[in-house]
Protein backbone atom coordinates (compact mmCIF):
# COMPACT_ATOMS: atom_id res chain seq x y z
CA MET A 1 29.64 -21.43 -40.87
CA LYS A 2 30.40 -19.59 -37.67
CA VAL A 3 27.66 -17.03 -38.42
CA ARG A 4 25.17 -19.79 -39.17
CA SER A 5 26.02 -21.52 -35.89
CA LEU A 6 25.48 -18.29 -33.96
CA LEU A 7 22.14 -17.70 -35.67
CA ALA A 8 21.08 -21.27 -34.92
CA ALA A 9 22.08 -20.89 -31.28
CA ALA A 10 20.13 -17.62 -31.06
CA ALA A 11 17.07 -19.30 -32.55
CA ILE A 12 17.29 -22.10 -30.01
CA LEU A 13 17.55 -19.61 -27.15
CA LEU A 14 14.59 -17.62 -28.49
CA ALA A 15 12.50 -20.76 -28.78
CA ALA A 16 13.47 -21.80 -25.29
CA GLY A 17 12.49 -18.39 -23.96
CA THR A 18 9.11 -18.60 -25.69
CA ALA A 19 8.52 -22.06 -24.33
CA TYR A 20 9.41 -20.87 -20.83
CA ALA A 21 6.97 -17.99 -21.10
CA GLN A 22 4.21 -20.42 -21.99
CA GLU A 23 5.04 -22.57 -19.00
CA THR A 24 4.62 -19.80 -16.43
CA ILE A 25 1.81 -17.67 -15.09
CA LYS A 26 2.95 -14.10 -15.67
CA ILE A 27 1.92 -11.46 -13.15
CA GLY A 28 3.05 -7.87 -13.63
CA ASN A 29 4.33 -5.85 -10.70
CA ILE A 30 4.67 -2.06 -10.90
CA VAL A 31 7.11 -1.11 -8.15
CA VAL A 32 9.00 1.87 -6.77
CA THR A 33 12.63 1.61 -5.69
CA ALA A 34 13.74 5.23 -6.20
CA GLY A 35 12.46 8.72 -5.46
CA PRO A 36 10.39 9.91 -2.49
CA LEU A 37 8.35 6.67 -2.34
CA LYS A 38 11.40 4.40 -2.15
CA GLY A 39 11.31 4.06 1.65
CA PRO A 40 7.76 2.74 2.03
CA GLY A 41 7.54 1.25 -1.46
CA GLU A 42 10.65 -0.85 -1.95
CA PRO A 43 9.94 -3.44 0.79
CA THR A 44 6.76 -4.55 -1.00
CA LEU A 45 9.01 -6.35 -3.49
CA THR A 46 10.15 -8.61 -0.66
CA ALA A 47 6.56 -9.28 0.41
CA ILE A 48 5.58 -10.29 -3.12
CA ASP A 49 8.69 -12.43 -3.54
CA ILE A 50 7.84 -14.29 -0.32
CA ALA A 51 4.33 -15.02 -1.61
CA VAL A 52 5.62 -16.19 -5.00
CA GLU A 53 8.25 -18.41 -3.40
CA GLU A 54 5.62 -20.03 -1.18
CA ILE A 55 3.16 -20.48 -4.04
CA ASN A 56 5.74 -21.98 -6.38
CA ALA A 57 7.04 -24.31 -3.66
CA ALA A 58 3.46 -25.58 -3.27
CA GLY A 59 3.03 -26.26 -6.99
CA GLY A 60 2.36 -22.84 -8.47
CA ILE A 61 -0.96 -21.89 -10.07
CA ASN A 62 -2.71 -24.71 -11.90
CA GLY A 63 0.58 -26.59 -11.93
CA LYS A 64 2.65 -23.78 -13.41
CA PRO A 65 5.14 -21.53 -11.60
CA VAL A 66 4.37 -17.86 -11.10
CA GLU A 67 6.68 -15.47 -12.93
CA ILE A 68 6.79 -11.86 -11.71
CA VAL A 69 7.60 -9.25 -14.36
CA ARG A 70 8.51 -5.88 -12.85
CA PHE A 71 8.57 -2.24 -13.89
CA ASP A 72 10.00 0.50 -11.65
CA THR A 73 8.30 3.92 -11.75
CA GLY A 74 10.95 5.75 -9.73
CA SER A 75 8.01 7.43 -7.91
CA ASP A 76 6.86 9.11 -11.14
CA PRO A 77 3.11 8.69 -11.89
CA LYS A 78 3.77 9.11 -15.61
CA GLN A 79 6.09 6.12 -15.50
CA ALA A 80 3.32 4.06 -13.91
CA SER A 81 1.38 4.52 -17.14
CA VAL A 82 4.41 3.52 -19.21
CA GLY A 83 4.86 0.47 -17.00
CA ALA A 84 1.25 -0.62 -17.33
CA ARG A 85 1.41 -0.45 -21.12
CA LYS A 86 4.72 -2.31 -21.27
CA LEU A 87 3.66 -5.10 -18.95
CA ILE A 88 0.35 -5.59 -20.77
CA GLN A 89 1.36 -5.07 -24.39
CA ASP A 90 4.98 -6.22 -24.45
CA ASP A 91 5.34 -8.67 -21.58
CA GLY A 92 1.93 -10.34 -21.84
CA VAL A 93 1.07 -10.42 -18.13
CA LEU A 94 -2.31 -11.77 -17.05
CA ALA A 95 -2.82 -9.25 -14.24
CA ILE A 96 -0.88 -6.52 -12.44
CA ALA A 97 -0.07 -6.07 -8.75
CA GLY A 98 0.63 -2.36 -8.23
CA PRO A 99 1.31 0.48 -8.65
CA PHE A 100 2.25 1.40 -5.10
CA SER A 101 0.79 4.86 -4.48
CA SER A 102 -2.53 6.58 -5.13
CA GLY A 103 -0.88 9.13 -7.44
CA GLU A 104 0.67 6.42 -9.60
CA SER A 105 -2.49 4.31 -9.54
CA ALA A 106 -4.77 7.16 -10.57
CA VAL A 107 -2.80 7.32 -13.83
CA ALA A 108 -2.07 3.63 -14.46
CA LEU A 109 -5.62 2.46 -13.77
CA ASN A 110 -6.70 4.32 -16.91
CA ASP A 111 -4.36 2.11 -18.95
CA ALA A 112 -5.65 -1.03 -17.24
CA GLU A 113 -9.19 0.04 -18.12
CA ARG A 114 -8.35 0.75 -21.74
CA LEU A 115 -6.31 -2.43 -22.22
CA LYS A 116 -8.71 -4.59 -20.18
CA VAL A 117 -6.37 -6.12 -17.60
CA LEU A 118 -6.96 -6.51 -13.86
CA MET A 119 -4.84 -4.06 -11.84
CA MET A 120 -4.61 -4.17 -8.05
CA PRO A 121 -2.67 -1.29 -6.42
CA THR A 122 -0.66 -2.47 -3.42
CA SER A 123 -0.91 0.58 -1.16
CA ALA A 124 -3.12 3.22 -2.79
CA SER A 125 -5.73 4.39 -0.28
CA ALA A 126 -7.17 7.57 -1.81
CA PRO A 127 -10.99 7.53 -1.52
CA GLY A 128 -12.91 6.71 -4.69
CA LEU A 129 -9.89 5.48 -6.64
CA THR A 130 -11.67 2.46 -8.12
CA ASP A 131 -15.10 4.06 -8.52
CA GLY A 132 -16.63 3.42 -11.93
CA ARG A 133 -13.83 1.11 -13.01
CA THR A 134 -14.14 -2.44 -14.30
CA TYR A 135 -10.50 -3.51 -14.13
CA GLY A 136 -9.30 -1.65 -11.04
CA TRP A 137 -9.62 -3.46 -7.68
CA ARG A 138 -7.68 -3.06 -4.45
CA LEU A 139 -7.05 -5.08 -1.33
CA THR A 140 -6.60 -1.89 0.67
CA GLU A 141 -8.78 0.23 2.93
CA ASP A 142 -9.26 3.88 2.07
CA GLU A 143 -7.97 6.72 4.21
CA THR A 144 -11.42 8.10 5.01
CA LYS A 145 -12.62 4.98 6.78
CA GLN A 146 -9.38 4.31 8.62
CA PHE A 147 -8.83 7.85 9.90
CA GLY A 148 -12.48 7.95 10.96
CA ARG A 149 -11.87 4.82 13.03
CA LEU A 150 -8.92 6.50 14.72
CA LEU A 151 -11.04 9.51 15.69
CA ASN A 152 -13.82 7.24 16.97
CA SER A 153 -11.31 5.37 19.11
CA ILE A 154 -9.88 8.60 20.54
CA LYS A 155 -13.38 9.70 21.55
CA ALA A 156 -14.31 6.27 22.94
CA LYS A 157 -11.14 6.10 25.04
CA GLY A 158 -11.81 9.49 26.61
CA ILE A 159 -8.77 11.29 25.19
CA LYS A 160 -9.25 15.07 25.24
CA ALA A 161 -9.98 16.03 21.65
CA ASP A 162 -11.93 19.27 21.49
CA THR A 163 -9.53 21.11 19.18
CA ALA A 164 -7.00 20.19 16.50
CA GLU A 165 -4.58 21.65 13.98
CA ILE A 166 -3.68 20.01 10.69
CA VAL A 167 -0.23 19.91 9.05
CA TYR A 168 0.35 18.52 5.56
CA ILE A 169 3.16 18.34 3.00
CA SER A 170 2.04 20.33 -0.02
CA GLU A 171 4.08 18.43 -2.66
CA GLU A 172 3.03 14.93 -1.55
CA VAL A 173 -0.13 14.04 -3.48
CA VAL A 174 -1.77 11.86 -0.82
CA SER A 175 -0.61 14.10 2.04
CA ASN A 176 -2.03 17.15 0.31
CA ALA A 177 -5.39 15.50 -0.33
CA ALA A 178 -5.60 14.15 3.23
CA GLY A 179 -4.55 17.41 4.85
CA THR A 180 -6.80 19.72 2.85
CA LYS A 181 -9.89 17.57 2.33
CA LEU A 182 -10.04 14.32 4.29
CA TYR A 183 -8.80 15.42 7.73
CA PRO A 184 -10.89 18.61 7.89
CA ALA A 185 -14.09 16.80 6.95
CA LEU A 186 -13.60 13.94 9.40
CA LEU A 187 -12.49 16.15 12.28
CA ALA A 188 -15.59 18.29 11.78
CA LYS A 189 -17.78 15.18 11.63
CA ALA A 190 -16.28 14.03 14.94
CA GLY A 191 -17.08 17.38 16.53
CA ILE A 192 -13.42 18.43 16.78
CA LYS A 193 -12.81 22.09 15.97
CA HIS A 194 -9.78 22.72 13.76
CA GLY A 195 -7.93 25.62 12.20
CA GLU A 196 -7.02 26.16 8.56
CA PRO A 197 -4.72 23.32 7.38
CA ILE A 198 -1.07 24.35 7.52
CA ALA A 199 1.11 23.58 4.51
CA VAL A 200 4.79 22.68 4.75
CA GLN A 201 6.97 22.39 1.67
CA TYR A 202 9.00 19.19 1.49
CA LYS A 203 11.85 20.67 -0.57
CA SER A 204 12.43 23.65 1.70
CA PHE A 205 11.62 21.93 4.95
CA ASP A 206 11.65 24.50 7.73
CA MET A 207 8.49 24.48 9.80
CA SER A 208 9.64 26.52 12.78
CA ALA A 209 7.12 29.27 11.95
CA GLN A 210 4.30 26.78 11.41
CA ALA A 211 5.12 25.01 14.69
CA ALA A 212 5.06 28.33 16.54
CA GLN A 213 1.64 29.02 15.01
CA ILE A 214 0.39 25.65 16.26
CA LEU A 215 1.75 26.20 19.75
CA GLN A 216 0.00 29.53 19.93
CA ALA A 217 -3.32 27.77 19.22
CA ASN A 218 -2.35 24.99 21.70
CA PRO A 219 -4.72 22.33 20.27
CA ASP A 220 -5.49 19.02 21.93
CA LEU A 221 -4.45 17.18 18.76
CA VAL A 222 -2.12 17.80 15.85
CA ALA A 223 -3.09 15.71 12.81
CA ILE A 224 -0.17 15.17 10.46
CA ALA A 225 -0.67 14.13 6.84
CA ALA A 226 2.79 13.10 5.66
CA LEU A 227 5.04 10.20 4.73
CA PRO A 228 7.27 8.91 7.57
CA GLU A 229 10.35 11.10 7.02
CA SER A 230 8.31 14.27 6.64
CA ALA A 231 6.13 13.38 9.61
CA SER A 232 9.26 12.85 11.70
CA LYS A 233 10.52 16.36 10.96
CA VAL A 234 7.16 17.85 11.87
CA ILE A 235 6.95 15.90 15.13
CA LYS A 236 10.49 16.71 16.21
CA GLU A 237 9.98 20.44 15.59
CA LEU A 238 6.68 20.47 17.47
CA ARG A 239 8.21 18.73 20.46
CA ARG A 240 11.33 20.92 20.30
CA GLN A 241 9.12 23.97 20.64
CA GLY A 242 7.28 22.43 23.56
CA TYR A 243 4.03 20.98 22.20
CA LYS A 244 2.59 18.56 24.80
CA GLY A 245 -0.62 17.37 23.16
CA ARG A 246 -1.36 14.21 21.15
CA ILE A 247 -0.02 13.80 17.63
CA ILE A 248 -2.13 11.66 15.32
CA GLY A 249 -1.95 10.36 11.76
CA SER A 250 -3.64 8.05 9.30
CA GLN A 251 -2.23 5.19 7.25
CA ILE A 252 0.18 7.50 5.43
CA PHE A 253 2.98 7.07 7.97
CA ALA A 254 1.82 3.80 9.52
CA ASP A 255 5.19 2.06 9.28
CA PRO A 256 6.64 0.18 12.28
CA ASN A 257 10.01 1.81 11.49
CA VAL A 258 8.67 5.18 12.67
CA VAL A 259 9.28 4.16 16.28
CA GLU A 260 12.98 4.58 15.53
CA LEU A 261 12.54 7.45 13.07
CA PHE A 262 10.45 9.55 15.45
CA GLY A 263 12.58 8.73 18.48
CA PRO A 264 11.42 9.74 21.98
CA GLU A 265 9.50 12.67 20.46
CA GLY A 266 7.11 10.17 18.88
CA ASP A 267 5.95 8.64 22.14
CA GLY A 268 2.17 8.81 22.46
CA THR A 269 1.58 9.23 18.73
CA LEU A 270 -1.61 7.53 17.55
CA LEU A 271 -2.16 6.27 14.00
CA VAL A 272 -4.13 3.64 12.15
CA ALA A 273 -2.88 0.63 10.18
CA GLY A 274 -4.51 -2.12 8.15
CA PHE A 275 -2.31 -4.95 9.43
CA TRP A 276 -1.53 -6.30 12.88
CA LYS A 277 1.24 -8.89 13.10
CA GLY A 278 -0.36 -10.70 16.04
CA ARG A 279 -3.75 -11.25 14.38
CA THR A 280 -3.08 -14.92 13.52
CA GLU A 281 -0.18 -17.37 13.47
CA ALA A 282 0.05 -16.87 9.70
CA SER A 283 0.19 -13.09 10.15
CA GLN A 284 3.01 -13.44 12.68
CA ALA A 285 4.87 -15.93 10.49
CA PHE A 286 4.75 -13.55 7.54
CA ASN A 287 5.93 -10.64 9.67
CA THR A 288 8.88 -12.66 11.00
CA LYS A 289 9.89 -13.89 7.55
CA PHE A 290 9.48 -10.43 6.07
CA VAL A 291 11.83 -8.87 8.62
CA GLU A 292 14.40 -11.61 7.96
CA GLU A 293 14.21 -11.34 4.17
CA THR A 294 14.34 -7.56 4.03
CA GLY A 295 17.38 -7.71 6.30
CA LYS A 296 19.11 -10.02 3.83
CA ARG A 297 18.46 -7.41 1.14
CA GLY A 298 19.99 -4.65 3.22
CA ILE A 299 16.63 -3.10 4.13
CA HIS A 300 16.15 -2.40 7.82
CA LYS A 301 12.58 -3.18 8.88
CA LEU A 302 11.17 -3.52 12.39
CA GLY A 303 7.98 -5.09 11.04
CA ALA A 304 5.76 -5.32 8.00
CA HIS A 305 3.90 -2.20 6.90
CA HIS A 306 0.27 -2.84 6.01
CA SER A 307 1.28 -2.13 2.38
CA ASP A 308 3.62 -5.12 2.56
CA ALA A 309 0.88 -7.34 3.95
CA GLN A 310 -1.52 -6.08 1.28
CA ALA A 311 1.01 -6.84 -1.47
CA TYR A 312 1.52 -10.36 -0.09
CA ASP A 313 -2.20 -11.07 0.14
CA THR A 314 -2.80 -9.57 -3.32
CA ILE A 315 -0.65 -12.31 -4.87
CA TYR A 316 -2.56 -14.99 -2.97
CA LEU A 317 -5.88 -13.46 -4.01
CA LEU A 318 -4.74 -13.51 -7.64
CA LYS A 319 -3.76 -17.15 -7.19
CA GLN A 320 -7.23 -17.99 -5.87
CA VAL A 321 -8.99 -16.22 -8.72
CA MET A 322 -6.66 -17.59 -11.40
CA GLU A 323 -7.06 -21.14 -10.18
CA LYS A 324 -10.83 -20.85 -10.23
CA ALA A 325 -10.67 -19.36 -13.73
CA GLY A 326 -8.44 -22.21 -14.88
CA VAL A 327 -5.78 -19.98 -16.40
CA THR A 328 -2.96 -21.67 -18.32
CA GLY A 329 -0.68 -18.76 -19.20
CA ASP A 330 -0.91 -19.73 -22.86
CA PRO A 331 -0.24 -16.58 -24.95
CA ALA A 332 -2.82 -17.78 -27.49
CA LYS A 333 -5.50 -17.53 -24.80
CA ILE A 334 -4.31 -14.33 -23.13
CA GLU A 335 -7.34 -12.15 -23.89
CA GLU A 336 -9.74 -14.88 -22.82
CA GLU A 337 -7.87 -15.58 -19.61
CA ARG A 338 -7.49 -11.90 -18.69
CA ALA A 339 -11.26 -11.53 -19.04
CA ALA A 340 -11.88 -14.65 -16.91
CA ILE A 341 -9.67 -13.29 -14.13
CA VAL A 342 -11.56 -10.00 -13.99
CA ALA A 343 -14.90 -11.83 -14.04
CA GLY A 344 -13.65 -13.98 -11.15
CA MET A 345 -13.27 -10.93 -8.93
CA GLU A 346 -17.02 -10.36 -8.83
CA GLY A 347 -18.37 -11.64 -5.53
CA VAL A 348 -15.02 -13.08 -4.44
CA ARG A 349 -14.34 -13.84 -0.76
CA PHE A 350 -10.79 -14.20 0.48
CA SER A 351 -8.99 -15.03 3.71
CA GLY A 352 -5.38 -14.05 4.29
CA ILE A 353 -3.02 -12.43 6.76
CA LEU A 354 -5.02 -9.18 6.63
CA GLY A 355 -8.33 -10.69 7.63
CA ASP A 356 -10.74 -13.61 7.32
CA ASP A 357 -13.55 -13.88 4.78
CA ILE A 358 -12.67 -10.52 3.21
CA CYS A 359 -15.35 -9.16 0.90
CA PHE A 360 -15.44 -6.20 -1.47
CA ALA A 361 -17.74 -3.20 -1.39
CA GLY A 362 -17.66 -2.13 -4.99
CA HIS A 363 -14.05 -2.83 -5.94
CA ASP A 364 -12.51 -2.02 -2.54
CA ALA A 365 -11.85 -4.61 0.13
CA GLU A 366 -13.49 -4.28 3.53
CA LEU A 367 -10.63 -4.64 6.01
CA PRO A 368 -10.23 -4.29 9.76
CA GLY A 369 -8.40 -1.30 11.21
CA TYR A 370 -5.84 -1.29 14.01
CA ILE A 371 -5.21 1.80 16.11
CA ILE A 372 -1.51 1.88 16.91
CA GLU A 373 0.13 3.79 19.74
CA ILE A 374 3.86 4.39 19.90
CA LYS A 375 4.45 3.63 23.54
CA GLY A 376 7.82 3.35 25.22
CA GLY A 377 9.46 3.16 21.83
CA GLU A 378 7.29 0.20 20.81
CA TRP A 379 4.61 -0.37 18.14
CA THR A 380 1.62 -1.34 20.28
CA LYS A 381 -2.05 -2.04 19.57
CA PHE A 382 -4.22 0.62 21.21
CA ASP A 383 -7.57 -0.42 19.73
CA GLU A 384 -9.09 -2.19 16.74
CA ALA A 385 -12.15 -1.96 14.51
CA PRO A 386 -13.63 -4.94 12.68
CA ALA A 387 -14.10 -4.88 8.94
CA ASP A 388 -17.39 -3.46 7.74
CA LYS A 389 -19.83 -5.93 6.23
CA CYS A 390 -20.46 -5.98 2.50
CA GLU A 391 -24.01 -5.51 1.29
C-alpha cells in the first residue's frame, strides 16, 4: 500500500508539473556564470530577471506568466550547442535569449536554424553573425559600426590620431578577430596609420616586451581589443612604461566597472557602448534597479553594461512579438507558435531602454552608439551617434 501511495503521489506531482508548464510561456536563456566570460556575462541574468519580474507583475504574456529556463555554458562554445538542443528538444521553450558571446552564438545559432527556433544572442557583436540565417536575430550593434563611430568622433573632436598601434589577446575569440581584422581595416579607412597588430597571450600574461615595442613607435593611439581584465593589464603596463597617448577600445571592454578596474591609469580612455543610462527616465530606472539587484546577489556593478540592457530589452521584444502572435505556451501548438514568433520578427519595430523605434537591417538591430570617456574616475558621455536608418 505504501508503494502504491508513493506512486500515486508521484503521478500527481508529475501531472501538476505538466499543467504548470502549459500555464507558462517558456523562454530559454543560455547564460555564462563560469570561465573567462563570467565577469561580463553573469550580470545579464539579473537584467533578464528584472524584465521577467516586471512583465509577470503586469500580467505576463497573453495572461500567462513568463518562465525562464536556463542553461549555463561555462564559457564553452560547444556547451552553447548542447544548451540550445536541450532547451528546444527537452524543455520545450518557444524562443531563446542568448548565448552571451559571439563565439558561443556562432555555434548555437546553427542548432537554432536546424531546429527552427528563434535565438537572440544577448551580447554577440561579431560582424555578419546573423547573415543568411532565418532564426538568428540580435538586438545588438556589431563591432564594425560601433568602433567606426568612435574613430569618427575622435577625428571630429580634433584629437591627434595620425598613428596607432593595436594590441589584442590571442586566445579570446572576439578580441582576436577585432585586433587582427576589424581594427586594422577601420583604422586604415579613417586614415590612421598603424603597425602590425601585437598579440598578447592571456594565459602567460606578460606584455612588458610588447609595451616597450609600442613605446618605441610612440603612436598617438593604442587600440586595445580585449575583455576588461585583460585590457586593464595592458593599460597598466603601458602607463607604467610611460605611454602618454590616448588608449581606445570598442564594445569589448565597455563595462562601467572598468573605471575601478583600470584605476588612474585608465583616465582618458575612450570606448564605445550601446547603452547610456541617462537616455530616458526608463533607461535610468533600469540602471538604478540593476545596480541594486546585482548588489543583492553579491555582484558589484557600477552601472549596467550595454549587454545587460540588451538582454533586458530582448525579453521585452520577445513579449511584444509573442503577444502579437497570440502564443499560448500550449505544448500541442509548440511548432506552430515557434514559427509564428519567427514570422513576427519580420518588419518589427521596437522601443525600449536602448532606443526608440528600433528597426532591423537584415536580422541586426540598428542602435545608437555612445562614445564614453573615463574622466576623473567617472564613466562620462563624450559623444553619441544616432542609430542608422533601416532601408
